[in-house]
């Protein structure tokens, strides 16, 4: 790791957040490094609305968060394809 970038902290040290399921209204936990989760109540898919991250443009992103987390982020950003 080169330095401690504040933009990558949600990937290095993920934190839980609560979001409301659009299908049933249930409060659901999603981690800051997850792009989506499944509602335990109705089994609906909950997708996090996210803008651009430093992982999208920083040339050190893969080094900063590690190859595994970087590749997962890119895969999730493309819809898991």
Protein backbone atom coordinates (compact mmCIF):
# COMPACT_ATOMS: atom_id res chain seq x y z
CA UNK A 1 0.00 0.00 0.00
CA UNK A 2 1.34 3.41 -0.90
CA UNK A 3 -0.56 5.64 1.50
CA UNK A 4 -3.84 5.82 3.35
CA UNK A 5 -6.36 7.24 0.90
CA UNK A 6 -9.60 8.43 2.56
CA UNK A 7 -11.64 7.63 -0.56
CA UNK A 8 -10.88 3.92 -0.31
CA UNK A 9 -11.80 3.50 3.37
CA UNK A 10 -15.30 2.18 2.55
CA UNK A 11 -13.63 -0.68 0.65
CA UNK A 12 -10.80 -1.37 3.10
CA UNK A 13 -12.93 -1.11 6.24
CA UNK A 14 -16.56 -1.63 5.15
CA UNK A 15 -19.36 -0.51 7.46
CA UNK A 16 -22.99 -1.62 7.55
CA UNK A 17 -25.68 0.81 6.39
CA UNK A 18 -29.45 0.50 6.52
CA UNK A 19 -31.50 0.98 3.34
CA UNK A 20 -35.22 0.55 2.70
CA UNK A 21 -36.36 -2.16 0.30
CA UNK A 22 -38.27 -0.56 -2.57
CA UNK A 23 -40.50 -3.65 -2.88
CA UNK A 24 -41.70 -4.18 0.68
CA UNK A 25 -40.37 -1.27 2.75
CA UNK A 26 -38.28 -3.47 5.08
CA UNK A 27 -35.10 -1.93 6.50
CA UNK A 28 -32.18 -4.00 5.16
CA UNK A 29 -28.50 -3.97 6.01
CA UNK A 30 -26.02 -3.45 3.18
CA UNK A 31 -22.28 -3.04 3.61
CA UNK A 32 -20.47 -0.01 2.18
CA UNK A 33 -18.43 -2.22 -0.15
CA UNK A 34 -21.47 -4.06 -1.58
CA UNK A 35 -23.25 -3.03 -4.76
CA UNK A 36 -26.38 -5.04 -3.96
CA UNK A 37 -28.03 -7.34 -1.47
CA UNK A 38 -31.24 -9.39 -1.18
CA UNK A 39 -34.11 -8.39 1.09
CA UNK A 40 -34.60 -11.13 3.69
CA UNK A 41 -38.32 -10.30 3.86
CA UNK A 42 -39.43 -10.38 0.20
CA UNK A 43 -36.27 -11.69 -1.52
CA UNK A 44 -36.22 -8.58 -3.72
CA UNK A 45 -32.90 -7.31 -5.00
CA UNK A 46 -31.66 -4.06 -3.48
CA UNK A 47 -29.11 -2.19 -5.55
CA UNK A 48 -27.05 0.60 -4.06
CA UNK A 49 -27.15 3.82 -6.02
CA UNK A 50 -23.55 4.85 -6.27
CA UNK A 51 -21.72 7.45 -8.23
CA UNK A 52 -18.15 7.38 -9.26
CA UNK A 53 -15.55 6.17 -6.79
CA UNK A 54 -11.83 6.80 -6.67
CA UNK A 55 -11.51 3.17 -7.81
CA UNK A 56 -12.93 4.28 -11.17
CA UNK A 57 -10.16 6.74 -11.97
CA UNK A 58 -7.15 6.42 -9.63
CA UNK A 59 -4.16 4.71 -11.24
CA UNK A 60 -3.20 3.28 -7.82
CA UNK A 61 -6.66 1.86 -7.02
CA UNK A 62 -5.72 -1.79 -7.42
CA UNK A 63 -2.64 -1.35 -5.21
CA UNK A 64 -4.56 0.72 -2.68
CA UNK A 65 -7.44 -1.66 -1.92
CA UNK A 66 -5.92 -4.89 -3.22
CA UNK A 67 -6.55 -6.81 -6.40
CA UNK A 68 -9.41 -8.94 -5.02
CA UNK A 69 -11.48 -5.98 -3.75
CA UNK A 70 -10.70 -3.94 -6.86
CA UNK A 71 -11.83 -6.75 -9.19
CA UNK A 72 -15.02 -7.31 -7.12
CA UNK A 73 -15.82 -3.58 -7.35
CA UNK A 74 -15.36 -3.56 -11.14
CA UNK A 75 -17.45 -6.74 -11.53
CA UNK A 76 -20.25 -5.36 -9.33
CA UNK A 77 -20.18 -2.02 -11.16
CA UNK A 78 -20.78 -3.89 -14.43
CA UNK A 79 -23.76 -5.69 -12.90
CA UNK A 80 -21.94 -8.88 -11.94
CA UNK A 81 -21.15 -9.78 -15.55
